Amino acid sequence: DARRAHPGLDVQTTVLGGGAGAAVAAYAVDVRAGLIVMGSRGHGGLT
């Protein structure tokens, strides 16, 4: 959906395991992220 709305945008997806907060932070280290964006709260239904 993101690629269709913004042609040329490079979008990659990854499913992480482990504790959510630690996993996201560690992934950001691995890919040398410039910004992490996230919701303040979510739900337990999907992940």
All heavy atoms as atom14 arrays in JSON, in Angstrom:
{
  "sequence": "DARRAHPGLDVQTTVLGGGAGAAVAAYAVDVRAGLIVMGSRGHGGLT",
  "atom14_mask": [
    [1, 1, 1, 1, 1, 1, 1, 1, 0, 0, 0, 0, 0, 0],
    [1, 1, 1, 1, 1, 0, 0, 0, 0, 0, 0, 0, 0, 0],
    [1, 1, 1, 1, 1, 1, 1, 1, 1, 1, 1, 0, 0, 0],
    [1, 1, 1, 1, 1, 1, 1, 1, 1, 1, 1, 0, 0, 0],
    [1, 1, 1, 1, 1, 0, 0, 0, 0, 0, 0, 0, 0, 0],
    [1, 1, 1, 1, 1, 1, 1, 1, 1, 1, 0, 0, 0, 0],
    [1, 1, 1, 1, 1, 1, 1, 0, 0, 0, 0, 0, 0, 0],
    [1, 1, 1, 1, 0, 0, 0, 0, 0, 0, 0, 0, 0, 0],
    [1, 1, 1, 1, 1, 1, 1, 1, 0, 0, 0, 0, 0, 0],
    [1, 1, 1, 1, 1, 1, 1, 1, 0, 0, 0, 0, 0, 0],
    [1, 1, 1, 1, 1, 1, 1, 0, 0, 0, 0, 0, 0, 0],
    [1, 1, 1, 1, 1, 1, 1, 1, 1, 0, 0, 0, 0, 0],
    [1, 1, 1, 1, 1, 1, 1, 0, 0, 0, 0, 0, 0, 0],
    [1, 1, 1, 1, 1, 1, 1, 0, 0, 0, 0, 0, 0, 0],
    [1, 1, 1, 1, 1, 1, 1, 0, 0, 0, 0, 0, 0, 0],
    [1, 1, 1, 1, 1, 1, 1, 1, 0, 0, 0, 0, 0, 0],
    [1, 1, 1, 1, 0, 0, 0, 0, 0, 0, 0, 0, 0, 0],
    [1, 1, 1, 1, 0, 0, 0, 0, 0, 0, 0, 0, 0, 0],
    [1, 1, 1, 1, 0, 0, 0, 0, 0, 0, 0, 0, 0, 0],
    [1, 1, 1, 1, 1, 0, 0, 0, 0, 0, 0, 0, 0, 0],
    [1, 1, 1, 1, 0, 0, 0, 0, 0, 0, 0, 0, 0, 0],
    [1, 1, 1, 1, 1, 0, 0, 0, 0, 0, 0, 0, 0, 0],
    [1, 1, 1, 1, 1, 0, 0, 0, 0, 0, 0, 0, 0, 0],
    [1, 1, 1, 1, 1, 1, 1, 0, 0, 0, 0, 0, 0, 0],
    [1, 1, 1, 1, 1, 0, 0, 0, 0, 0, 0, 0, 0, 0],
    [1, 1, 1, 1, 1, 0, 0, 0, 0, 0, 0, 0, 0, 0],
    [1, 1, 1, 1, 1, 1, 1, 1, 1, 1, 1, 1, 0, 0],
    [1, 1, 1, 1, 1, 0, 0, 0, 0, 0, 0, 0, 0, 0],
    [1, 1, 1, 1, 1, 1, 1, 0, 0, 0, 0, 0, 0, 0],
    [1, 1, 1, 1, 1, 1, 1, 1, 0, 0, 0, 0, 0, 0],
    [1, 1, 1, 1, 1, 1, 1, 0, 0, 0, 0, 0, 0, 0],
    [1, 1, 1, 1, 1, 1, 1, 1, 1, 1, 1, 0, 0, 0],
    [1, 1, 1, 1, 1, 0, 0, 0, 0, 0, 0, 0, 0, 0],
    [1, 1, 1, 1, 0, 0, 0, 0, 0, 0, 0, 0, 0, 0],
    [1, 1, 1, 1, 1, 1, 1, 1, 0, 0, 0, 0, 0, 0],
    [1, 1, 1, 1, 1, 1, 1, 1, 0, 0, 0, 0, 0, 0],
    [1, 1, 1, 1, 1, 1, 1, 0, 0, 0, 0, 0, 0, 0],
    [1, 1, 1, 1, 1, 1, 1, 1, 0, 0, 0, 0, 0, 0],
    [1, 1, 1, 1, 0, 0, 0, 0, 0, 0, 0, 0, 0, 0],
    [1, 1, 1, 1, 1, 1, 0, 0, 0, 0, 0, 0, 0, 0],
    [1, 1, 1, 1, 1, 1, 1, 1, 1, 1, 1, 0, 0, 0],
    [1, 1, 1, 1, 0, 0, 0, 0, 0, 0, 0, 0, 0, 0],
    [1, 1, 1, 1, 1, 1, 1, 1, 1, 1, 0, 0, 0, 0],
    [1, 1, 1, 1, 0, 0, 0, 0, 0, 0, 0, 0, 0, 0],
    [1, 1, 1, 1, 0, 0, 0, 0, 0, 0, 0, 0, 0, 0],
    [1, 1, 1, 1, 1, 1, 1, 1, 0, 0, 0, 0, 0, 0],
    [1, 1, 1, 1, 1, 1, 1, 0, 0, 0, 0, 0, 0, 0]
  ],
  "atom14_positions": [
    [[0.83, -1.2, 0.0], [0.0, 0.0, 0.0], [0.87, 1.26, 0.0], [0.58, 2.23, -0.71], [-0.92, 0.01, 1.22], [-2.03, -1.03, 1.13], [-2.29, -1.52, 0.01], [-2.63, -1.34, 2.18], [0.0, 0.0, 0.0], [0.0, 0.0, 0.0], [0.0, 0.0, 0.0], [0.0, 0.0, 0.0], [0.0, 0.0, 0.0], [0.0, 0.0, 0.0]],
    [[1.93, 1.24, 0.79], [2.82, 2.4, 0.87], [3.54, 2.63, -0.44], [3.71, 3.77, -0.9], [3.84, 2.21, 2.01], [0.0, 0.0, 0.0], [0.0, 0.0, 0.0], [0.0, 0.0, 0.0], [0.0, 0.0, 0.0], [0.0, 0.0, 0.0], [0.0, 0.0, 0.0], [0.0, 0.0, 0.0], [0.0, 0.0, 0.0], [0.0, 0.0, 0.0]],
    [[3.95, 1.55, -1.1], [4.66, 1.69, -2.39], [3.72, 2.23, -3.46], [4.14, 3.04, -4.3], [5.21, 0.33, -2.82], [6.32, -0.22, -1.93], [6.93, -1.48, -2.54], [7.83, -2.13, -1.6], [7.53, -3.21, -0.89], [6.31, -3.77, -1.02], [8.39, -3.73, -0.05], [0.0, 0.0, 0.0], [0.0, 0.0, 0.0], [0.0, 0.0, 0.0]],
    [[2.47, 1.78, -3.45], [1.52, 2.27, -4.45], [1.25, 3.76, -4.25], [1.12, 4.52, -5.21], [0.21, 1.49, -4.35], [0.25, 0.14, -5.06], [-1.17, -0.38, -5.32], [-1.89, -0.59, -4.07], [-1.95, -1.75, -3.43], [-1.3, -2.8, -3.91], [-2.62, -1.85, -2.3], [0.0, 0.0, 0.0], [0.0, 0.0, 0.0], [0.0, 0.0, 0.0]],
    [[1.14, 4.18, -2.98], [0.85, 5.58, -2.69], [2.05, 6.48, -2.93], [1.9, 7.67, -3.22], [0.36, 5.73, -1.25], [0.0, 0.0, 0.0], [0.0, 0.0, 0.0], [0.0, 0.0, 0.0], [0.0, 0.0, 0.0], [0.0, 0.0, 0.0], [0.0, 0.0, 0.0], [0.0, 0.0, 0.0], [0.0, 0.0, 0.0], [0.0, 0.0, 0.0]],
    [[3.25, 5.91, -2.8], [4.48, 6.7, -2.96], [5.47, 5.94, -3.83], [6.41, 5.33, -3.32], [5.1, 6.99, -1.58], [4.19, 7.76, -0.68], [4.16, 9.14, -0.66], [3.27, 7.35, 0.23], [3.27, 9.54, 0.23], [2.7, 8.48, 0.78], [0.0, 0.0, 0.0], [0.0, 0.0, 0.0], [0.0, 0.0, 0.0], [0.0, 0.0, 0.0]],
    [[5.27, 5.97, -5.13], [6.17, 5.27, -6.04], [7.62, 5.72, -5.82], [7.9, 6.9, -5.66], [5.66, 5.68, -7.43], [4.23, 6.04, -7.2], [4.18, 6.67, -5.84], [0.0, 0.0, 0.0], [0.0, 0.0, 0.0], [0.0, 0.0, 0.0], [0.0, 0.0, 0.0], [0.0, 0.0, 0.0], [0.0, 0.0, 0.0], [0.0, 0.0, 0.0]],
    [[8.5, 4.77, -5.8], [9.9, 5.09, -5.59], [10.35, 4.96, -4.14], [11.55, 4.92, -3.86], [0.0, 0.0, 0.0], [0.0, 0.0, 0.0], [0.0, 0.0, 0.0], [0.0, 0.0, 0.0], [0.0, 0.0, 0.0], [0.0, 0.0, 0.0], [0.0, 0.0, 0.0], [0.0, 0.0, 0.0], [0.0, 0.0, 0.0], [0.0, 0.0, 0.0]],
    [[9.4, 4.89, -3.21], [9.75, 4.72, -1.81], [10.22, 3.28, -1.57], [9.52, 2.33, -1.9], [8.55, 5.03, -0.92], [8.75, 4.83, 0.59], [9.82, 5.78, 1.13], [7.42, 5.05, 1.34], [0.0, 0.0, 0.0], [0.0, 0.0, 0.0], [0.0, 0.0, 0.0], [0.0, 0.0, 0.0], [0.0, 0.0, 0.0], [0.0, 0.0, 0.0]],
    [[11.39, 3.14, -1.01], [11.94, 1.82, -0.69], [11.36, 1.37, 0.64], [11.63, 1.98, 1.69], [13.47, 1.91, -0.61], [14.1, 0.58, -0.2], [13.44, -0.47, -0.32], [15.27, 0.61, 0.25], [0.0, 0.0, 0.0], [0.0, 0.0, 0.0], [0.0, 0.0, 0.0], [0.0, 0.0, 0.0], [0.0, 0.0, 0.0], [0.0, 0.0, 0.0]],
    [[10.53, 0.33, 0.61], [9.88, -0.17, 1.83], [10.33, -1.6, 2.09], [10.23, -2.46, 1.22], [8.34, -0.13, 1.71], [7.7, -0.54, 3.04], [7.86, 1.25, 1.29], [0.0, 0.0, 0.0], [0.0, 0.0, 0.0], [0.0, 0.0, 0.0], [0.0, 0.0, 0.0], [0.0, 0.0, 0.0], [0.0, 0.0, 0.0], [0.0, 0.0, 0.0]],
    [[10.83, -1.83, 3.29], [11.25, -3.17, 3.7], [10.45, -3.59, 4.92], [10.05, -2.75, 5.73], [12.75, -3.18, 4.01], [13.62, -2.75, 2.84], [15.1, -2.77, 3.18], [15.55, -3.59, 3.98], [15.86, -1.88, 2.56], [0.0, 0.0, 0.0], [0.0, 0.0, 0.0], [0.0, 0.0, 0.0], [0.0, 0.0, 0.0], [0.0, 0.0, 0.0]],
    [[10.22, -4.89, 5.05], [9.46, -5.39, 6.2], [10.26, -6.47, 6.93], [10.99, -7.24, 6.3], [8.11, -5.99, 5.76], [8.34, -7.12, 4.91], [7.29, -4.95, 5.02], [0.0, 0.0, 0.0], [0.0, 0.0, 0.0], [0.0, 0.0, 0.0], [0.0, 0.0, 0.0], [0.0, 0.0, 0.0], [0.0, 0.0, 0.0], [0.0, 0.0, 0.0]],
    [[10.11, -6.49, 8.24], [10.81, -7.48, 9.06], [9.94, -7.85, 10.25], [9.37, -6.98, 10.9], [12.15, -6.92, 9.59], [12.97, -6.5, 8.49], [12.9, -7.98, 10.38], [0.0, 0.0, 0.0], [0.0, 0.0, 0.0], [0.0, 0.0, 0.0], [0.0, 0.0, 0.0], [0.0, 0.0, 0.0], [0.0, 0.0, 0.0], [0.0, 0.0, 0.0]],
    [[9.84, -9.15, 10.51], [9.15, -9.65, 11.69], [10.22, -9.98, 12.73], [11.12, -10.79, 12.47], [8.3, -10.89, 11.38], [7.63, -11.4, 12.65], [7.25, -10.56, 10.31], [0.0, 0.0, 0.0], [0.0, 0.0, 0.0], [0.0, 0.0, 0.0], [0.0, 0.0, 0.0], [0.0, 0.0, 0.0], [0.0, 0.0, 0.0], [0.0, 0.0, 0.0]],
    [[10.12, -9.36, 13.89], [11.09, -9.55, 14.95], [10.55, -10.47, 16.02], [9.34, -10.63, 16.16], [11.44, -8.19, 15.59], [11.89, -7.08, 14.64], [12.03, -5.76, 15.4], [13.21, -7.45, 13.96], [0.0, 0.0, 0.0], [0.0, 0.0, 0.0], [0.0, 0.0, 0.0], [0.0, 0.0, 0.0], [0.0, 0.0, 0.0], [0.0, 0.0, 0.0]],
    [[11.43, -11.05, 16.78], [11.04, -11.9, 17.9], [11.61, -11.34, 19.19], [12.48, -10.47, 19.19], [0.0, 0.0, 0.0], [0.0, 0.0, 0.0], [0.0, 0.0, 0.0], [0.0, 0.0, 0.0], [0.0, 0.0, 0.0], [0.0, 0.0, 0.0], [0.0, 0.0, 0.0], [0.0, 0.0, 0.0], [0.0, 0.0, 0.0], [0.0, 0.0, 0.0]],
    [[11.12, -11.84, 20.31], [11.62, -11.4, 21.6], [10.78, -10.31, 22.2], [9.68, -10.01, 21.74], [0.0, 0.0, 0.0], [0.0, 0.0, 0.0], [0.0, 0.0, 0.0], [0.0, 0.0, 0.0], [0.0, 0.0, 0.0], [0.0, 0.0, 0.0], [0.0, 0.0, 0.0], [0.0, 0.0, 0.0], [0.0, 0.0, 0.0], [0.0, 0.0, 0.0]],
    [[11.31, -9.68, 23.24], [10.61, -8.57, 23.87], [10.49, -7.4, 22.92], [11.47, -7.02, 22.27], [0.0, 0.0, 0.0], [0.0, 0.0, 0.0], [0.0, 0.0, 0.0], [0.0, 0.0, 0.0], [0.0, 0.0, 0.0], [0.0, 0.0, 0.0], [0.0, 0.0, 0.0], [0.0, 0.0, 0.0], [0.0, 0.0, 0.0], [0.0, 0.0, 0.0]],
    [[9.3, -6.83, 22.83], [9.03, -5.85, 21.78], [9.94, -4.63, 21.84], [10.54, -4.23, 20.84], [7.57, -5.41, 21.87], [0.0, 0.0, 0.0], [0.0, 0.0, 0.0], [0.0, 0.0, 0.0], [0.0, 0.0, 0.0], [0.0, 0.0, 0.0], [0.0, 0.0, 0.0], [0.0, 0.0, 0.0], [0.0, 0.0, 0.0], [0.0, 0.0, 0.0]],
    [[10.06, -3.99, 23.01], [10.87, -2.78, 23.11], [12.32, -3.03, 22.79], [12.94, -2.29, 22.0], [0.0, 0.0, 0.0], [0.0, 0.0, 0.0], [0.0, 0.0, 0.0], [0.0, 0.0, 0.0], [0.0, 0.0, 0.0], [0.0, 0.0, 0.0], [0.0, 0.0, 0.0], [0.0, 0.0, 0.0], [0.0, 0.0, 0.0], [0.0, 0.0, 0.0]],
    [[12.89, -4.06, 23.37], [14.29, -4.38, 23.13], [14.53, -4.77, 21.68], [15.55, -4.41, 21.09], [14.74, -5.52, 24.06], [0.0, 0.0, 0.0], [0.0, 0.0, 0.0], [0.0, 0.0, 0.0], [0.0, 0.0, 0.0], [0.0, 0.0, 0.0], [0.0, 0.0, 0.0], [0.0, 0.0, 0.0], [0.0, 0.0, 0.0], [0.0, 0.0, 0.0]],
    [[13.57, -5.49, 21.09], [13.73, -5.95, 19.7], [13.73, -4.77, 18.73], [14.55, -4.71, 17.8], [12.61, -6.92, 19.34], [0.0, 0.0, 0.0], [0.0, 0.0, 0.0], [0.0, 0.0, 0.0], [0.0, 0.0, 0.0], [0.0, 0.0, 0.0], [0.0, 0.0, 0.0], [0.0, 0.0, 0.0], [0.0, 0.0, 0.0], [0.0, 0.0, 0.0]],
    [[12.83, -3.81, 18.93], [12.78, -2.65, 18.04], [14.04, -1.81, 18.17], [14.63, -1.38, 17.17], [11.53, -1.79, 18.34], [11.57, -0.48, 17.54], [10.26, -2.57, 18.01], [0.0, 0.0, 0.0], [0.0, 0.0, 0.0], [0.0, 0.0, 0.0], [0.0, 0.0, 0.0], [0.0, 0.0, 0.0], [0.0, 0.0, 0.0], [0.0, 0.0, 0.0]],
    [[14.49, -1.58, 19.4], [15.7, -0.79, 19.61], [16.92, -1.47, 19.01], [17.76, -0.82, 18.37], [15.9, -0.54, 21.1], [0.0, 0.0, 0.0], [0.0, 0.0, 0.0], [0.0, 0.0, 0.0], [0.0, 0.0, 0.0], [0.0, 0.0, 0.0], [0.0, 0.0, 0.0], [0.0, 0.0, 0.0], [0.0, 0.0, 0.0], [0.0, 0.0, 0.0]],
    [[17.02, -2.78, 19.18], [18.16, -3.51, 18.64], [18.16, -3.49, 17.11], [19.22, -3.38, 16.47], [18.15, -4.95, 19.15], [0.0, 0.0, 0.0], [0.0, 0.0, 0.0], [0.0, 0.0, 0.0], [0.0, 0.0, 0.0], [0.0, 0.0, 0.0], [0.0, 0.0, 0.0], [0.0, 0.0, 0.0], [0.0, 0.0, 0.0], [0.0, 0.0, 0.0]],
    [[16.97, -3.6, 16.52], [16.87, -3.54, 15.07], [17.34, -2.19, 14.56], [18.04, -2.09, 13.54], [15.43, -3.79, 14.63], [15.23, -3.77, 13.13], [15.47, -4.92, 12.38], [14.83, -2.61, 12.48], [15.31, -4.9, 11.0], [14.66, -2.59, 11.11], [14.91, -3.73, 10.37], [14.75, -3.71, 9.0], [0.0, 0.0, 0.0], [0.0, 0.0, 0.0]],
    [[16.97, -1.12, 15.26], [17.39, 0.22, 14.86], [18.91, 0.35, 14.89], [19.5, 1.02, 14.03], [16.75, 1.26, 15.78], [0.0, 0.0, 0.0], [0.0, 0.0, 0.0], [0.0, 0.0, 0.0], [0.0, 0.0, 0.0], [0.0, 0.0, 0.0], [0.0, 0.0, 0.0], [0.0, 0.0, 0.0], [0.0, 0.0, 0.0], [0.0, 0.0, 0.0]],
    [[19.54, -0.29, 15.85], [21.01, -0.3, 15.9], [21.57, -1.0, 14.67], [22.5, -0.51, 14.01], [21.51, -0.98, 17.19], [23.03, -1.15, 17.14], [21.11, -0.19, 18.42], [0.0, 0.0, 0.0], [0.0, 0.0, 0.0], [0.0, 0.0, 0.0], [0.0, 0.0, 0.0], [0.0, 0.0, 0.0], [0.0, 0.0, 0.0], [0.0, 0.0, 0.0]],
    [[21.01, -2.16, 14.35], [21.53, -2.98, 13.25], [21.45, -2.26, 11.91], [22.35, -2.39, 11.07], [20.76, -4.3, 13.16], [21.07, -5.23, 14.33], [22.09, -5.01, 15.02], [20.27, -6.16, 14.57], [0.0, 0.0, 0.0], [0.0, 0.0, 0.0], [0.0, 0.0, 0.0], [0.0, 0.0, 0.0], [0.0, 0.0, 0.0], [0.0, 0.0, 0.0]],
    [[20.37, -1.51, 11.67], [20.18, -0.87, 10.36], [20.65, 0.58, 10.35], [20.5, 1.28, 9.36], [18.71, -0.95, 9.91], [18.26, -2.4, 9.8], [17.79, -0.15, 10.83], [0.0, 0.0, 0.0], [0.0, 0.0, 0.0], [0.0, 0.0, 0.0], [0.0, 0.0, 0.0], [0.0, 0.0, 0.0], [0.0, 0.0, 0.0], [0.0, 0.0, 0.0]],
    [[21.21, 1.05, 11.48], [21.69, 2.44, 11.6], [20.55, 3.43, 11.3], [20.66, 4.34, 10.49], [22.88, 2.69, 10.67], [24.06, 1.79, 10.95], [25.23, 2.02, 9.99], [25.82, 3.34, 10.18], [25.82, 4.29, 9.25], [25.24, 4.08, 8.08], [26.4, 5.45, 9.48], [0.0, 0.0, 0.0], [0.0, 0.0, 0.0], [0.0, 0.0, 0.0]],
    [[19.45, 3.23, 12.0], [18.25, 4.04, 11.77], [18.49, 5.51, 12.09], [19.28, 5.84, 12.99], [17.1, 3.51, 12.62], [0.0, 0.0, 0.0], [0.0, 0.0, 0.0], [0.0, 0.0, 0.0], [0.0, 0.0, 0.0], [0.0, 0.0, 0.0], [0.0, 0.0, 0.0], [0.0, 0.0, 0.0], [0.0, 0.0, 0.0], [0.0, 0.0, 0.0]],
    [[17.8, 6.38, 11.36], [17.85, 7.8, 11.63], [16.68, 8.26, 12.46], [16.71, 9.34, 13.06], [0.0, 0.0, 0.0], [0.0, 0.0, 0.0], [0.0, 0.0, 0.0], [0.0, 0.0, 0.0], [0.0, 0.0, 0.0], [0.0, 0.0, 0.0], [0.0, 0.0, 0.0], [0.0, 0.0, 0.0], [0.0, 0.0, 0.0], [0.0, 0.0, 0.0]],
    [[15.61, 7.44, 12.52], [14.43, 7.78, 13.29], [13.6, 6.53, 13.5], [13.45, 5.72, 12.59], [13.59, 8.84, 12.56], [12.3, 9.3, 13.26], [12.62, 10.14, 14.5], [11.42, 10.11, 12.29], [0.0, 0.0, 0.0], [0.0, 0.0, 0.0], [0.0, 0.0, 0.0], [0.0, 0.0, 0.0], [0.0, 0.0, 0.0], [0.0, 0.0, 0.0]],
    [[13.07, 6.38, 14.71], [12.08, 5.35, 15.01], [10.74, 6.04, 15.23], [10.66, 7.03, 15.96], [12.44, 4.54, 16.27], [13.78, 3.83, 16.09], [11.33, 3.53, 16.59], [14.28, 3.17, 17.37], [0.0, 0.0, 0.0], [0.0, 0.0, 0.0], [0.0, 0.0, 0.0], [0.0, 0.0, 0.0], [0.0, 0.0, 0.0], [0.0, 0.0, 0.0]],
    [[9.69, 5.55, 14.59], [8.35, 6.1, 14.76], [7.46, 5.0, 15.33], [7.45, 3.87, 14.81], [7.77, 6.62, 13.43], [6.42, 7.29, 13.67], [8.74, 7.59, 12.75], [0.0, 0.0, 0.0], [0.0, 0.0, 0.0], [0.0, 0.0, 0.0], [0.0, 0.0, 0.0], [0.0, 0.0, 0.0], [0.0, 0.0, 0.0], [0.0, 0.0, 0.0]],
    [[6.7, 5.31, 16.36], [5.84, 4.3, 16.95], [4.67, 4.96, 17.68], [4.71, 6.15, 18.02], [6.63, 3.42, 17.91], [7.21, 4.14, 19.12], [8.35, 3.09, 20.06], [7.34, 1.65, 20.34], [0.0, 0.0, 0.0], [0.0, 0.0, 0.0], [0.0, 0.0, 0.0], [0.0, 0.0, 0.0], [0.0, 0.0, 0.0], [0.0, 0.0, 0.0]],
    [[3.63, 4.17, 17.9], [2.49, 4.64, 18.67], [2.81, 4.59, 20.15], [3.65, 3.81, 20.59], [0.0, 0.0, 0.0], [0.0, 0.0, 0.0], [0.0, 0.0, 0.0], [0.0, 0.0, 0.0], [0.0, 0.0, 0.0], [0.0, 0.0, 0.0], [0.0, 0.0, 0.0], [0.0, 0.0, 0.0], [0.0, 0.0, 0.0], [0.0, 0.0, 0.0]],
    [[2.14, 5.45, 20.92], [2.38, 5.44, 22.36], [1.79, 4.2, 23.01], [2.3, 3.7, 24.0], [1.78, 6.69, 23.0], [0.38, 6.75, 22.79], [0.0, 0.0, 0.0], [0.0, 0.0, 0.0], [0.0, 0.0, 0.0], [0.0, 0.0, 0.0], [0.0, 0.0, 0.0], [0.0, 0.0, 0.0], [0.0, 0.0, 0.0], [0.0, 0.0, 0.0]],
    [[0.7, 3.7, 22.42], [0.07, 2.47, 22.9], [-0.52, 1.72, 21.72], [-0.91, 2.31, 20.73], [-1.03, 2.75, 23.93], [-0.5, 3.28, 25.24], [-1.59, 3.45, 26.27], [-1.03, 3.9, 27.54], [-0.56, 3.09, 28.48], [-0.58, 1.79, 28.29], [-0.08, 3.58, 29.6], [0.0, 0.0, 0.0], [0.0, 0.0, 0.0], [0.0, 0.0, 0.0]],
    [[-0.62, 0.41, 21.85], [-1.2, -0.4, 20.81], [-2.15, -1.4, 21.41], [-2.82, -1.13, 22.39], [0.0, 0.0, 0.0], [0.0, 0.0, 0.0], [0.0, 0.0, 0.0], [0.0, 0.0, 0.0], [0.0, 0.0, 0.0], [0.0, 0.0, 0.0], [0.0, 0.0, 0.0], [0.0, 0.0, 0.0], [0.0, 0.0, 0.0], [0.0, 0.0, 0.0]],
    [[-2.21, -2.59, 20.84], [-3.05, -3.62, 21.42], [-2.36, -4.97, 21.27], [-1.33, -5.09, 20.65], [-4.43, -3.65, 20.76], [-4.41, -3.86, 19.26], [-3.84, -4.95, 18.67], [-4.9, -3.1, 18.26], [-3.99, -4.88, 17.36], [-4.62, -3.76, 17.08], [0.0, 0.0, 0.0], [0.0, 0.0, 0.0], [0.0, 0.0, 0.0], [0.0, 0.0, 0.0]],
    [[-2.94, -5.96, 21.85], [-2.33, -7.28, 21.83], [-2.89, -8.19, 20.76], [-2.53, -9.35, 20.68], [0.0, 0.0, 0.0], [0.0, 0.0, 0.0], [0.0, 0.0, 0.0], [0.0, 0.0, 0.0], [0.0, 0.0, 0.0], [0.0, 0.0, 0.0], [0.0, 0.0, 0.0], [0.0, 0.0, 0.0], [0.0, 0.0, 0.0], [0.0, 0.0, 0.0]],
    [[-3.77, -7.67, 19.91], [-4.45, -8.55, 18.97], [-3.54, -9.12, 17.91], [-3.58, -10.3, 17.62], [0.0, 0.0, 0.0], [0.0, 0.0, 0.0], [0.0, 0.0, 0.0], [0.0, 0.0, 0.0], [0.0, 0.0, 0.0], [0.0, 0.0, 0.0], [0.0, 0.0, 0.0], [0.0, 0.0, 0.0], [0.0, 0.0, 0.0], [0.0, 0.0, 0.0]],
    [[-2.7, -8.28, 17.28], [-1.88, -8.77, 16.18], [-0.53, -9.25, 16.67], [-0.15, -10.38, 16.47], [-1.7, -7.67, 15.14], [-0.8, -8.01, 13.95], [-1.38, -9.19, 13.18], [-0.67, -6.81, 13.02], [0.0, 0.0, 0.0], [0.0, 0.0, 0.0], [0.0, 0.0, 0.0], [0.0, 0.0, 0.0], [0.0, 0.0, 0.0], [0.0, 0.0, 0.0]],
    [[0.19, -8.37, 17.36], [1.54, -8.77, 17.77], [1.82, -8.49, 19.23], [2.89, -8.78, 19.71], [2.6, -8.03, 16.94], [2.45, -6.62, 17.18], [2.46, -8.31, 15.48], [0.0, 0.0, 0.0], [0.0, 0.0, 0.0], [0.0, 0.0, 0.0], [0.0, 0.0, 0.0], [0.0, 0.0, 0.0], [0.0, 0.0, 0.0], [0.0, 0.0, 0.0]]
  ]
}
